[in-house]
Amino acid sequence: MRDKPAQATAGPPADPNAHAAEPAGLPELNPVIHGKLRLAILSLLTGVDRVEFTWLREKTGSTDGNLGAHLLKLEESGYIETEKKFVQRKPLSFYRITELGRSELAQYVRALRTLLGGAL
């Protein structure tokens, strides 16, 4: 039987639930918006009044399940509103960005610009 190699440790094991501390002065990016697909959804919704689910699916290239899960997260956060109705007996879901969603997206963009500094 071979011995396992010793692992170097620099103290107690890290807490898997702990988040890395933000360095002083750096803005925190909104974790709800920071996801690639959620950022794309909010960005697309800023330029339209409301859109149907299939339009968002086509624009993002996402699967139905993945898109639906991210839309639900945005709706639960109050960033988008959902309207469901039937058109010719076919269920349709429409989405629009809320004022809170616009405000939070604008804040996210400001924080990102601050974080990137002169790199832009």
PDB file of N, CA and C in Angstrom:
ATOM      1  N   MET A   1       0.827  -1.181   0.000  1.00  0.00           N
ATOM      2  CA  MET A   1       0.000   0.000   0.000  1.00  0.00           C
ATOM      3  C   MET A   1       0.866   1.238   0.000  1.00  0.00           C
ATOM      4  N   ARG A   2       0.530   2.197  -0.820  1.00  0.00           N
ATOM      5  CA  ARG A   2       1.317   3.427  -0.905  1.00  0.00           C
ATOM      6  C   ARG A   2       0.720   4.474   0.006  1.00  0.00           C
ATOM      7  N   ASP A   3       1.592   5.257   0.578  1.00  0.00           N
ATOM      8  CA  ASP A   3       1.140   6.374   1.405  1.00  0.00           C
ATOM      9  C   ASP A   3       0.659   7.492   0.518  1.00  0.00           C
ATOM     10  N   LYS A   4      -0.359   8.181   0.976  1.00  0.00           N
ATOM     11  CA  LYS A   4      -0.838   9.350   0.249  1.00  0.00           C
ATOM     12  C   LYS A   4       0.157  10.480   0.455  1.00  0.00           C
ATOM     13  N   PRO A   5       0.405  11.288  -0.589  1.00  0.00           N
ATOM     14  CA  PRO A   5       1.307  12.420  -0.405  1.00  0.00           C
ATOM     15  C   PRO A   5       0.711  13.408   0.580  1.00  0.00           C
ATOM     16  N   ALA A   6       1.569  13.982   1.371  1.00  0.00           N
ATOM     17  CA  ALA A   6       1.130  14.983   2.345  1.00  0.00           C
ATOM     18  C   ALA A   6       0.665  16.222   1.616  1.00  0.00           C
ATOM     19  N   GLN A   7      -0.431  16.791   2.103  1.00  0.00           N
ATOM     20  CA  GLN A   7      -0.939  18.019   1.502  1.00  0.00           C
ATOM     21  C   GLN A   7      -0.548  19.186   2.373  1.00  0.00           C
ATOM     22  N   ALA A   8      -0.050  20.211   1.737  1.00  0.00           N
ATOM     23  CA  ALA A   8       0.329  21.413   2.476  1.00  0.00           C
ATOM     24  C   ALA A   8      -0.934  22.162   2.859  1.00  0.00           C
ATOM     25  N   THR A   9      -0.979  22.614   4.088  1.00  0.00           N
ATOM     26  CA  THR A   9      -2.112  23.414   4.525  1.00  0.00           C
ATOM     27  C   THR A   9      -1.599  24.712   5.102  1.00  0.00           C
ATOM     28  N   ALA A  10      -2.371  25.729   4.919  1.00  0.00           N
ATOM     29  CA  ALA A  10      -1.994  27.048   5.424  1.00  0.00           C
ATOM     30  C   ALA A  10      -2.975  27.479   6.489  1.00  0.00           C
ATOM     31  N   GLY A  11      -3.407  26.564   7.313  1.00  0.00           N
ATOM     32  CA  GLY A  11      -4.365  26.905   8.342  1.00  0.00           C
ATOM     33  C   GLY A  11      -5.552  25.979   8.266  1.00  0.00           C
ATOM     34  N   PRO A  12      -6.623  26.360   8.933  1.00  0.00           N
ATOM     35  CA  PRO A  12      -7.810  25.500   8.934  1.00  0.00           C
ATOM     36  C   PRO A  12      -8.416  25.421   7.542  1.00  0.00           C
ATOM     37  N   PRO A  13      -9.164  24.354   7.273  1.00  0.00           N
ATOM     38  CA  PRO A  13      -9.789  24.216   5.952  1.00  0.00           C
ATOM     39  C   PRO A  13     -10.692  25.414   5.651  1.00  0.00           C
ATOM     40  N   ALA A  14     -10.728  25.769   4.387  1.00  0.00           N
ATOM     41  CA  ALA A  14     -11.540  26.910   3.969  1.00  0.00           C
ATOM     42  C   ALA A  14     -13.017  26.571   4.077  1.00  0.00           C
ATOM     43  N   ASP A  15     -13.807  27.542   4.471  1.00  0.00           N
ATOM     44  CA  ASP A  15     -15.253  27.382   4.545  1.00  0.00           C
ATOM     45  C   ASP A  15     -15.801  27.446   3.126  1.00  0.00           C
ATOM     46  N   PRO A  16     -16.426  26.373   2.613  1.00  0.00           N
ATOM     47  CA  PRO A  16     -16.926  26.397   1.232  1.00  0.00           C
ATOM     48  C   PRO A  16     -18.043  27.414   1.030  1.00  0.00           C
ATOM     49  N   ASN A  17     -18.681  27.866   2.110  1.00  0.00           N
ATOM     50  CA  ASN A  17     -19.757  28.843   1.987  1.00  0.00           C
ATOM     51  C   ASN A  17     -19.260  30.275   2.095  1.00  0.00           C
ATOM     52  N   ALA A  18     -18.004  30.452   2.407  1.00  0.00           N
ATOM     53  CA  ALA A  18     -17.468  31.805   2.567  1.00  0.00           C
ATOM     54  C   ALA A  18     -17.177  32.404   1.199  1.00  0.00           C
ATOM     55  N   HIS A  19     -17.439  33.675   1.064  1.00  0.00           N
ATOM     56  CA  HIS A  19     -17.158  34.391  -0.171  1.00  0.00           C
ATOM     57  C   HIS A  19     -15.875  35.172   0.015  1.00  0.00           C
ATOM     58  N   ALA A  20     -15.115  35.292  -1.053  1.00  0.00           N
ATOM     59  CA  ALA A  20     -13.881  36.071  -0.975  1.00  0.00           C
ATOM     60  C   ALA A  20     -14.237  37.520  -0.679  1.00  0.00           C
ATOM     61  N   ALA A  21     -13.513  38.115   0.202  1.00  0.00           N
ATOM     62  CA  ALA A  21     -13.765  39.506   0.558  1.00  0.00           C
ATOM     63  C   ALA A  21     -13.402  40.406  -0.613  1.00  0.00           C
ATOM     64  N   GLU A  22     -14.220  41.415  -0.835  1.00  0.00           N
ATOM     65  CA  GLU A  22     -13.934  42.388  -1.877  1.00  0.00           C
ATOM     66  C   GLU A  22     -12.810  43.295  -1.399  1.00  0.00           C
ATOM     67  N   PRO A  23     -11.791  43.498  -2.229  1.00  0.00           N
ATOM     68  CA  PRO A  23     -10.755  44.446  -1.840  1.00  0.00           C
ATOM     69  C   PRO A  23     -11.373  45.821  -1.621  1.00  0.00           C
ATOM     70  N   ALA A  24     -10.792  46.572  -0.724  1.00  0.00           N
ATOM     71  CA  ALA A  24     -11.318  47.896  -0.389  1.00  0.00           C
ATOM     72  C   ALA A  24     -11.449  48.752  -1.638  1.00  0.00           C
ATOM     73  N   GLY A  25     -12.594  49.400  -1.769  1.00  0.00           N
ATOM     74  CA  GLY A  25     -12.799  50.336  -2.872  1.00  0.00           C
ATOM     75  C   GLY A  25     -13.343  49.733  -4.145  1.00  0.00           C
ATOM     76  N   LEU A  26     -13.383  48.412  -4.261  1.00  0.00           N
ATOM     77  CA  LEU A  26     -13.917  47.800  -5.476  1.00  0.00           C
ATOM     78  C   LEU A  26     -15.422  47.600  -5.326  1.00  0.00           C
ATOM     79  N   PRO A  27     -16.176  47.919  -6.378  1.00  0.00           N
ATOM     80  CA  PRO A  27     -17.629  47.750  -6.293  1.00  0.00           C
ATOM     81  C   PRO A  27     -18.013  46.280  -6.352  1.00  0.00           C
ATOM     82  N   GLU A  28     -19.124  45.952  -5.740  1.00  0.00           N
ATOM     83  CA  GLU A  28     -19.648  44.596  -5.801  1.00  0.00           C
ATOM     84  C   GLU A  28     -20.606  44.513  -6.982  1.00  0.00           C
ATOM     85  N   LEU A  29     -20.452  43.474  -7.803  1.00  0.00           N
ATOM     86  CA  LEU A  29     -21.335  43.273  -8.942  1.00  0.00           C
ATOM     87  C   LEU A  29     -22.536  42.450  -8.507  1.00  0.00           C
ATOM     88  N   ASN A  30     -23.723  42.905  -8.891  1.00  0.00           N
ATOM     89  CA  ASN A  30     -24.975  42.241  -8.541  1.00  0.00           C
ATOM     90  C   ASN A  30     -24.947  40.801  -9.052  1.00  0.00           C
ATOM     91  N   PRO A  31     -24.984  39.802  -8.153  1.00  0.00           N
ATOM     92  CA  PRO A  31     -24.888  38.408  -8.588  1.00  0.00           C
ATOM     93  C   PRO A  31     -26.087  37.936  -9.404  1.00  0.00           C
ATOM     94  N   VAL A  32     -27.248  38.549  -9.231  1.00  0.00           N
ATOM     95  CA  VAL A  32     -28.416  38.157 -10.029  1.00  0.00           C
ATOM     96  C   VAL A  32     -28.207  38.565 -11.482  1.00  0.00           C
ATOM     97  N   ILE A  33     -27.643  39.729 -11.706  1.00  0.00           N
ATOM     98  CA  ILE A  33     -27.440  40.231 -13.063  1.00  0.00           C
ATOM     99  C   ILE A  33     -26.160  39.677 -13.682  1.00  0.00           C
ATOM    100  N   HIS A  34     -25.180  39.348 -12.868  1.00  0.00           N
ATOM    101  CA  HIS A  34     -23.847  39.000 -13.356  1.00  0.00           C
ATOM    102  C   HIS A  34     -23.808  37.736 -14.211  1.00  0.00           C
ATOM    103  N   GLY A  35     -24.790  36.879 -14.089  1.00  0.00           N
ATOM    104  CA  GLY A  35     -24.829  35.686 -14.935  1.00  0.00           C
ATOM    105  C   GLY A  35     -24.959  36.066 -16.399  1.00  0.00           C
ATOM    106  N   LYS A  36     -24.233  35.391 -17.259  1.00  0.00           N
ATOM    107  CA  LYS A  36     -24.190  35.733 -18.689  1.00  0.00           C
ATOM    108  C   LYS A  36     -25.581  35.801 -19.324  1.00  0.00           C
ATOM    109  N   LEU A  37     -26.391  34.790 -19.099  1.00  0.00           N
ATOM    110  CA  LEU A  37     -27.710  34.763 -19.729  1.00  0.00           C
ATOM    111  C   LEU A  37     -28.638  35.815 -19.131  1.00  0.00           C
ATOM    112  N   ARG A  38     -28.597  36.004 -17.816  1.00  0.00           N
ATOM    113  CA  ARG A  38     -29.461  37.016 -17.190  1.00  0.00           C
ATOM    114  C   ARG A  38     -29.066  38.417 -17.636  1.00  0.00           C
ATOM    115  N   LEU A  39     -27.782  38.671 -17.783  1.00  0.00           N
ATOM    116  CA  LEU A  39     -27.328  39.970 -18.288  1.00  0.00           C
ATOM    117  C   LEU A  39     -27.811  40.175 -19.724  1.00  0.00           C
ATOM    118  N   ALA A  40     -27.742  39.137 -20.527  1.00  0.00           N
ATOM    119  CA  ALA A  40     -28.221  39.229 -21.911  1.00  0.00           C
ATOM    120  C   ALA A  40     -29.724  39.486 -21.952  1.00  0.00           C
ATOM    121  N   ILE A  41     -30.485  38.800 -21.110  1.00  0.00           N
ATOM    122  CA  ILE A  41     -31.940  38.978 -21.082  1.00  0.00           C
ATOM    123  C   ILE A  41     -32.285  40.420 -20.731  1.00  0.00           C
ATOM    124  N   LEU A  42     -31.707  40.925 -19.653  1.00  0.00           N
ATOM    125  CA  LEU A  42     -32.008  42.303 -19.240  1.00  0.00           C
ATOM    126  C   LEU A  42     -31.586  43.299 -20.309  1.00  0.00           C
ATOM    127  N   SER A  43     -30.433  43.079 -20.913  1.00  0.00           N
ATOM    128  CA  SER A  43     -29.958  43.979 -21.968  1.00  0.00           C
ATOM    129  C   SER A  43     -30.915  43.989 -23.152  1.00  0.00           C
ATOM    130  N   LEU A  44     -31.399  42.823 -23.548  1.00  0.00           N
ATOM    131  CA  LEU A  44     -32.355  42.743 -24.655  1.00  0.00           C
ATOM    132  C   LEU A  44     -33.673  43.425 -24.304  1.00  0.00           C
ATOM    133  N   LEU A  45     -34.126  43.251 -23.072  1.00  0.00           N
ATOM    134  CA  LEU A  45     -35.412  43.819 -22.669  1.00  0.00           C
ATOM    135  C   LEU A  45     -35.379  45.340 -22.550  1.00  0.00           C
ATOM    136  N   THR A  46     -34.215  45.940 -22.405  1.00  0.00           N
ATOM    137  CA  THR A  46     -34.161  47.403 -22.288  1.00  0.00           C
ATOM    138  C   THR A  46     -34.564  48.090 -23.596  1.00  0.00           C
ATOM    139  N   GLY A  47     -34.417  47.400 -24.708  1.00  0.00           N
ATOM    140  CA  GLY A  47     -34.699  48.022 -25.995  1.00  0.00           C
ATOM    141  C   GLY A  47     -36.084  47.746 -26.559  1.00  0.00           C
ATOM    142  N   VAL A  48     -36.938  47.083 -25.799  1.00  0.00           N
ATOM    143  CA  VAL A  48     -38.267  46.713 -26.291  1.00  0.00           C
ATOM    144  C   VAL A  48     -39.306  46.967 -25.205  1.00  0.00           C
ATOM    145  N   ASP A  49     -40.585  47.029 -25.620  1.00  0.00           N
ATOM    146  CA  ASP A  49     -41.652  47.177 -24.633  1.00  0.00           C
ATOM    147  C   ASP A  49     -41.898  45.853 -23.931  1.00  0.00           C
ATOM    148  N   ARG A  50     -42.149  44.817 -24.716  1.00  0.00           N
ATOM    149  CA  ARG A  50     -42.307  43.470 -24.178  1.00  0.00           C
ATOM    150  C   ARG A  50     -42.011  42.493 -25.304  1.00  0.00           C
ATOM    151  N   VAL A  51     -41.605  41.293 -24.919  1.00  0.00           N
ATOM    152  CA  VAL A  51     -41.279  40.272 -25.925  1.00  0.00           C
ATOM    153  C   VAL A  51     -41.826  38.928 -25.483  1.00  0.00           C
ATOM    154  N   GLU A  52     -41.989  38.055 -26.465  1.00  0.00           N
ATOM    155  CA  GLU A  52     -42.482  36.715 -26.221  1.00  0.00           C
ATOM    156  C   GLU A  52     -41.303  35.782 -25.959  1.00  0.00           C
ATOM    157  N   PHE A  53     -41.555  34.721 -25.226  1.00  0.00           N
ATOM    158  CA  PHE A  53     -40.528  33.758 -24.821  1.00  0.00           C
ATOM    159  C   PHE A  53     -39.688  33.283 -26.001  1.00  0.00           C
ATOM    160  N   THR A  54     -40.336  32.930 -27.113  1.00  0.00           N
ATOM    161  CA  THR A  54     -39.581  32.379 -28.249  1.00  0.00           C
ATOM    162  C   THR A  54     -38.613  33.400 -28.833  1.00  0.00           C
ATOM    163  N   TRP A  55     -38.960  34.688 -28.778  1.00  0.00           N
ATOM    164  CA  TRP A  55     -38.059  35.750 -29.259  1.00  0.00           C
ATOM    165  C   TRP A  55     -36.792  35.759 -28.406  1.00  0.00           C
ATOM    166  N   LEU A  56     -36.967  35.700 -27.089  1.00  0.00           N
ATOM    167  CA  LEU A  56     -35.801  35.668 -26.196  1.00  0.00           C
ATOM    168  C   LEU A  56     -34.971  34.409 -26.429  1.00  0.00           C
ATOM    169  N   ARG A  57     -35.634  33.285 -26.626  1.00  0.00           N
ATOM    170  CA  ARG A  57     -34.914  32.027 -26.873  1.00  0.00           C
ATOM    171  C   ARG A  57     -34.068  32.130 -28.135  1.00  0.00           C
ATOM    172  N   GLU A  58     -34.648  32.697 -29.190  1.00  0.00           N
ATOM    173  CA  GLU A  58     -33.911  32.839 -30.447  1.00  0.00           C
ATOM    174  C   GLU A  58     -32.743  33.815 -30.305  1.00  0.00           C
ATOM    175  N   LYS A  59     -32.968  34.927 -29.641  1.00  0.00           N
ATOM    176  CA  LYS A  59     -31.916  35.942 -29.486  1.00  0.00           C
ATOM    177  C   LYS A  59     -30.765  35.463 -28.609  1.00  0.00           C
ATOM    178  N   THR A  60     -31.068  34.660 -27.587  1.00  0.00           N
ATOM    179  CA  THR A  60     -30.022  34.214 -26.660  1.00  0.00           C
ATOM    180  C   THR A  60     -29.410  32.876 -27.053  1.00  0.00           C
ATOM    181  N   GLY A  61     -30.118  32.112 -27.889  1.00  0.00           N
ATOM    182  CA  GLY A  61     -29.632  30.789 -28.264  1.00  0.00           C
ATOM    183  C   GLY A  61     -29.718  29.790 -27.130  1.00  0.00           C
ATOM    184  N   SER A  62     -30.544  30.066 -26.158  1.00  0.00           N
ATOM    185  CA  SER A  62     -30.685  29.222 -24.975  1.00  0.00           C
ATOM    186  C   SER A  62     -31.727  28.134 -25.201  1.00  0.00           C
ATOM    187  N   THR A  63     -31.673  27.120 -24.349  1.00  0.00           N
ATOM    188  CA  THR A  63     -32.714  26.092 -24.364  1.00  0.00           C
ATOM    189  C   THR A  63     -33.922  26.602 -23.588  1.00  0.00           C
ATOM    190  N   ASP A  64     -35.073  25.992 -23.807  1.00  0.00           N
ATOM    191  CA  ASP A  64     -36.291  26.391 -23.096  1.00  0.00           C
ATOM    192  C   ASP A  64     -36.104  26.315 -21.585  1.00  0.00           C
ATOM    193  N   GLY A  65     -35.569  25.195 -21.104  1.00  0.00           N
ATOM    194  CA  GLY A  65     -35.415  24.999 -19.667  1.00  0.00           C
ATOM    195  C   GLY A  65     -34.450  25.984 -19.031  1.00  0.00           C
ATOM    196  N   ASN A  66     -33.323  26.209 -19.675  1.00  0.00           N
ATOM    197  CA  ASN A  66     -32.327  27.130 -19.135  1.00  0.00           C
ATOM    198  C   ASN A  66     -32.867  28.556 -19.131  1.00  0.00           C
ATOM    199  N   LEU A  67     -33.477  28.959 -20.227  1.00  0.00           N
ATOM    200  CA  LEU A  67     -34.041  30.300 -20.312  1.00  0.00           C
ATOM    201  C   LEU A  67     -35.140  30.481 -19.273  1.00  0.00           C
ATOM    202  N   GLY A  68     -36.009  29.492 -19.148  1.00  0.00           N
ATOM    203  CA  GLY A  68     -37.096  29.573 -18.175  1.00  0.00           C
ATOM    204  C   GLY A  68     -36.589  29.734 -16.755  1.00  0.00           C
ATOM    205  N   ALA A  69     -35.540  29.004 -16.404  1.00  0.00           N
ATOM    206  CA  ALA A  69     -34.976  29.100 -15.051  1.00  0.00           C
ATOM    207  C   ALA A  69     -34.404  30.488 -14.788  1.00  0.00           C
ATOM    208  N   HIS A  70     -33.727  31.065 -15.761  1.00  0.00           N
ATOM    209  CA  HIS A  70     -33.148  32.400 -15.584  1.00  0.00           C
ATOM    210  C   HIS A  70     -34.224  33.488 -15.573  1.00  0.00           C
ATOM    211  N   LEU A  71     -35.251  33.314 -16.371  1.00  0.00           N
ATOM    212  CA  LEU A  71     -36.366  34.263 -16.345  1.00  0.00           C
ATOM    213  C   LEU A  71     -37.059  34.239 -14.989  1.00  0.00           C
ATOM    214  N   LEU A  72     -37.222  33.055 -14.423  1.00  0.00           N
ATOM    215  CA  LEU A  72     -37.840  32.930 -13.101  1.00  0.00           C
ATOM    216  C   LEU A  72     -37.001  33.650 -12.043  1.00  0.00           C
ATOM    217  N   LYS A  73     -35.699  33.498 -12.090  1.00  0.00           N
ATOM    218  CA  LYS A  73     -34.812  34.167 -11.136  1.00  0.00           C
ATOM    219  C   LYS A  73     -34.949  35.687 -11.253  1.00  0.00           C
ATOM    220  N   LEU A  74     -34.997  36.193 -12.477  1.00  0.00           N
ATOM    221  CA  LEU A  74     -35.161  37.636 -12.684  1.00  0.00           C
ATOM    222  C   LEU A  74     -36.531  38.111 -12.213  1.00  0.00           C
ATOM    223  N   GLU A  75     -37.554  37.297 -12.446  1.00  0.00           N
ATOM    224  CA  GLU A  75     -38.903  37.654 -11.999  1.00  0.00           C
ATOM    225  C   GLU A  75     -38.979  37.655 -10.469  1.00  0.00           C
ATOM    226  N   GLU A  76     -38.408  36.648  -9.832  1.00  0.00           N
ATOM    227  CA  GLU A  76     -38.410  36.580  -8.368  1.00  0.00           C
ATOM    228  C   GLU A  76     -37.664  37.758  -7.742  1.00  0.00           C
ATOM    229  N   SER A  77     -36.686  38.292  -8.454  1.00  0.00           N
ATOM    230  CA  SER A  77     -35.913  39.441  -7.973  1.00  0.00           C
ATOM    231  C   SER A  77     -36.627  40.759  -8.243  1.00  0.00           C
ATOM    232  N   GLY A  78     -37.724  40.706  -9.007  1.00  0.00           N
ATOM    233  CA  GLY A  78     -38.473  41.914  -9.324  1.00  0.00           C
ATOM    234  C   GLY A  78     -37.908  42.693 -10.500  1.00  0.00           C
ATOM    235  N   TYR A  79     -37.001  42.090 -11.259  1.00  0.00           N
ATOM    236  CA  TYR A  79     -36.346  42.782 -12.374  1.00  0.00           C
ATOM    237  C   TYR A  79     -37.126  42.697 -13.671  1.00  0.00           C
ATOM    238  N   ILE A  80     -38.003  41.700 -13.789  1.00  0.00           N
ATOM    239  CA  ILE A  80     -38.855  41.581 -14.973  1.00  0.00           C
ATOM    240  C   ILE A  80     -40.267  41.224 -14.524  1.00  0.00           C
ATOM    241  N   GLU A  81     -41.224  41.465 -15.405  1.00  0.00           N
ATOM    242  CA  GLU A  81     -42.616  41.064 -15.196  1.00  0.00           C
ATOM    243  C   GLU A  81     -42.990  40.074 -16.282  1.00  0.00           C
ATOM    244  N   THR A  82     -43.843  39.143 -15.925  1.00  0.00           N
ATOM    245  CA  THR A  82     -44.296  38.120 -16.856  1.00  0.00           C
ATOM    246  C   THR A  82     -45.802  38.247 -17.051  1.00  0.00           C
ATOM    247  N   GLU A  83     -46.222  38.137 -18.299  1.00  0.00           N
ATOM    248  CA  GLU A  83     -47.648  38.114 -18.632  1.00  0.00           C
ATOM    249  C   GLU A  83     -47.902  36.841 -19.419  1.00  0.00           C
ATOM    250  N   LYS A  84     -48.797  36.010 -18.915  1.00  0.00           N
ATOM    251  CA  LYS A  84     -49.121  34.752 -19.599  1.00  0.00           C
ATOM    252  C   LYS A  84     -50.554  34.825 -20.097  1.00  0.00           C
ATOM    253  N   LYS A  85     -50.739  34.435 -21.351  1.00  0.00           N
ATOM    254  CA  LYS A  85     -52.090  34.411 -21.907  1.00  0.00           C
ATOM    255  C   LYS A  85     -52.150  33.401 -23.028  1.00  0.00           C
ATOM    256  N   PHE A  86     -53.357  33.179 -23.522  1.00  0.00           N
ATOM    257  CA  PHE A  86     -53.569  32.258 -24.626  1.00  0.00           C
ATOM    258  C   PHE A  86     -53.929  33.059 -25.874  1.00  0.00           C
ATOM    259  N   VAL A  87     -53.320  32.706 -26.983  1.00  0.00           N
ATOM    260  CA  VAL A  87     -53.646  33.283 -28.280  1.00  0.00           C
ATOM    261  C   VAL A  87     -53.967  32.108 -29.195  1.00  0.00           C
ATOM    262  N   GLN A  88     -55.189  32.076 -29.680  1.00  0.00           N
ATOM    263  CA  GLN A  88     -55.695  30.957 -30.488  1.00  0.00           C
ATOM    264  C   GLN A  88     -55.410  29.623 -29.794  1.00  0.00           C
ATOM    265  N   ARG A  89     -55.736  29.560 -28.506  1.00  0.00           N
ATOM    266  CA  ARG A  89     -55.608  28.363 -27.675  1.00  0.00           C
ATOM    267  C   ARG A  89     -54.163  27.934 -27.448  1.00  0.00           C
ATOM    268  N   LYS A  90     -53.225  28.805 -27.774  1.00  0.00           N
ATOM    269  CA  LYS A  90     -51.805  28.497 -27.573  1.00  0.00           C
ATOM    270  C   LYS A  90     -51.284  29.365 -26.427  1.00  0.00           C
ATOM    271  N   PRO A  91     -50.637  28.739 -25.414  1.00  0.00           N
ATOM    272  CA  PRO A  91     -50.115  29.541 -24.303  1.00  0.00           C
ATOM    273  C   PRO A  91     -48.894  30.355 -24.739  1.00  0.00           C
ATOM    274  N   LEU A  92     -48.894  31.622 -24.372  1.00  0.00           N
ATOM    275  CA  LEU A  92     -47.771  32.511 -24.685  1.00  0.00           C
ATOM    276  C   LEU A  92     -47.350  33.235 -23.413  1.00  0.00           C
ATOM    277  N   SER A  93     -46.064  33.438 -23.278  1.00  0.00           N
ATOM    278  CA  SER A  93     -45.516  34.191 -22.150  1.00  0.00           C
ATOM    279  C   SER A  93     -44.783  35.407 -22.692  1.00  0.00           C
ATOM    280  N   PHE A  94     -45.119  36.572 -22.132  1.00  0.00           N
ATOM    281  CA  PHE A  94     -44.486  37.824 -22.524  1.00  0.00           C
ATOM    282  C   PHE A  94     -43.694  38.371 -21.352  1.00  0.00           C
ATOM    283  N   TYR A  95     -42.586  39.039 -21.644  1.00  0.00           N
ATOM    284  CA  TYR A  95     -41.695  39.557 -20.606  1.00  0.00           C
ATOM    285  C   TYR A  95     -41.355  41.007 -20.876  1.00  0.00           C
ATOM    286  N   ARG A  96     -41.234  41.758 -19.775  1.00  0.00           N
ATOM    287  CA  ARG A  96     -40.782  43.146 -19.875  1.00  0.00           C
ATOM    288  C   ARG A  96     -39.931  43.453 -18.663  1.00  0.00           C
ATOM    289  N   ILE A  97     -39.025  44.398 -18.825  1.00  0.00           N
ATOM    290  CA  ILE A  97     -38.169  44.803 -17.721  1.00  0.00           C
ATOM    291  C   ILE A  97     -38.937  45.788 -16.845  1.00  0.00           C
ATOM    292  N   THR A  98     -38.745  45.715 -15.540  1.00  0.00           N
ATOM    293  CA  THR A  98     -39.401  46.640 -14.606  1.00  0.00           C
ATOM    294  C   THR A  98     -38.495  47.850 -14.370  1.00  0.00           C
ATOM    295  N   GLU A  99     -39.041  48.853 -13.700  1.00  0.00           N
ATOM    296  CA  GLU A  99     -38.219  50.017 -13.342  1.00  0.00           C
ATOM    297  C   GLU A  99     -37.079  49.594 -12.420  1.00  0.00           C
ATOM    298  N   LEU A 100     -37.364  48.674 -11.499  1.00  0.00           N
ATOM    299  CA  LEU A 100     -36.311  48.156 -10.636  1.00  0.00           C
ATOM    300  C   LEU A 100     -35.234  47.467 -11.466  1.00  0.00           C
ATOM    301  N   GLY A 101     -35.654  46.686 -12.452  1.00  0.00           N
ATOM    302  CA  GLY A 101     -34.706  46.003 -13.329  1.00  0.00           C
ATOM    303  C   GLY A 101     -33.829  46.988 -14.082  1.00  0.00           C
ATOM    304  N   ARG A 102     -34.431  48.063 -14.610  1.00  0.00           N
ATOM    305  CA  ARG A 102     -33.651  49.095 -15.310  1.00  0.00           C
ATOM    306  C   ARG A 102     -32.650  49.752 -14.373  1.00  0.00           C
ATOM    307  N   SER A 103     -33.118  50.074 -13.182  1.00  0.00           N
ATOM    308  CA  SER A 103     -32.264  50.728 -12.196  1.00  0.00           C
ATOM    309  C   SER A 103     -31.097  49.827 -11.785  1.00  0.00           C
ATOM    310  N   GLU A 104     -31.389  48.563 -11.519  1.00  0.00           N
ATOM    311  CA  GLU A 104     -30.343  47.628 -11.102  1.00  0.00           C
ATOM    312  C   GLU A 104     -29.359  47.347 -12.236  1.00  0.00           C
ATOM    313  N   LEU A 105     -29.851  47.276 -13.470  1.00  0.00           N
ATOM    314  CA  LEU A 105     -28.957  47.078 -14.611  1.00  0.00           C
ATOM    315  C   LEU A 105     -28.049  48.289 -14.781  1.00  0.00           C
ATOM    316  N   ALA A 106     -28.597  49.489 -14.644  1.00  0.00           N
ATOM    317  CA  ALA A 106     -27.785  50.711 -14.750  1.00  0.00           C
ATOM    318  C   ALA A 106     -26.717  50.741 -13.657  1.00  0.00           C
ATOM    319  N   GLN A 107     -27.093  50.352 -12.435  1.00  0.00           N
ATOM    320  CA  GLN A 107     -26.137  50.293 -11.327  1.00  0.00           C
ATOM    321  C   GLN A 107     -25.054  49.255 -11.610  1.00  0.00           C
ATOM    322  N   TYR A 108     -25.433  48.128 -12.167  1.00  0.00           N
ATOM    323  CA  TYR A 108     -24.475  47.076 -12.524  1.00  0.00           C
ATOM    324  C   TYR A 108     -23.456  47.607 -13.536  1.00  0.00           C
ATOM    325  N   VAL A 109     -23.953  48.307 -14.552  1.00  0.00           N
ATOM    326  CA  VAL A 109     -23.069  48.858 -15.581  1.00  0.00           C
ATOM    327  C   VAL A 109     -22.118  49.889 -14.965  1.00  0.00           C
ATOM    328  N   ARG A 110     -22.632  50.742 -14.064  1.00  0.00           N
ATOM    329  CA  ARG A 110     -21.758  51.718 -13.394  1.00  0.00           C
ATOM    330  C   ARG A 110     -20.679  51.014 -12.570  1.00  0.00           C
ATOM    331  N   ALA A 111     -21.066  49.973 -11.849  1.00  0.00           N
ATOM    332  CA  ALA A 111     -20.100  49.232 -11.032  1.00  0.00           C
ATOM    333  C   ALA A 111     -19.054  48.551 -11.912  1.00  0.00           C
ATOM    334  N   LEU A 112     -19.477  48.014 -13.035  1.00  0.00           N
ATOM    335  CA  LEU A 112     -18.548  47.362 -13.953  1.00  0.00           C
ATOM    336  C   LEU A 112     -17.563  48.369 -14.535  1.00  0.00           C
ATOM    337  N   ARG A 113     -18.060  49.546 -14.900  1.00  0.00           N
ATOM    338  CA  ARG A 113     -17.171  50.600 -15.407  1.00  0.00           C
ATOM    339  C   ARG A 113     -16.161  51.032 -14.339  1.00  0.00           C
ATOM    340  N   THR A 114     -16.612  51.149 -13.099  1.00  0.00           N
ATOM    341  CA  THR A 114     -15.719  51.506 -12.009  1.00  0.00           C
ATOM    342  C   THR A 114     -14.662  50.415 -11.825  1.00  0.00           C
ATOM    343  N   LEU A 115     -15.092  49.163 -11.882  1.00  0.00           N
ATOM    344  CA  LEU A 115     -14.185  48.039 -11.693  1.00  0.00           C
ATOM    345  C   LEU A 115     -13.127  47.996 -12.807  1.00  0.00           C
ATOM    346  N   LEU A 116     -13.558  48.267 -14.028  1.00  0.00           N
ATOM    347  CA  LEU A 116     -12.624  48.221 -15.165  1.00  0.00           C
ATOM    348  C   LEU A 116     -11.750  49.464 -15.241  1.00  0.00           C
ATOM    349  N   GLY A 117     -12.217  50.540 -14.650  1.00  0.00           N
ATOM    350  CA  GLY A 117     -11.423  51.770 -14.619  1.00  0.00           C
ATOM    351  C   GLY A 117     -11.011  52.237 -15.995  1.00  0.00           C
ATOM    352  N   GLY A 118      -9.731  52.499 -16.168  1.00  0.00           N
ATOM    353  CA  GLY A 118      -9.206  53.011 -17.437  1.00  0.00           C
ATOM    354  C   GLY A 118      -9.061  51.980 -18.517  1.00  0.00           C
ATOM    355  N   ALA A 119      -9.455  50.725 -18.240  1.00  0.00           N
ATOM    356  CA  ALA A 119      -9.320  49.676 -19.251  1.00  0.00           C
ATOM    357  C   ALA A 119     -10.282  49.849 -20.411  1.00  0.00           C
ATOM    358  N   LEU A 120     -11.328  50.659 -20.219  1.00  0.00           N
ATOM    359  CA  LEU A 120     -12.303  50.861 -21.302  1.00  0.00           C
ATOM    360  C   LEU A 120     -11.889  51.977 -22.218  1.00  0.00           C
TER     361      LEU A 120
END
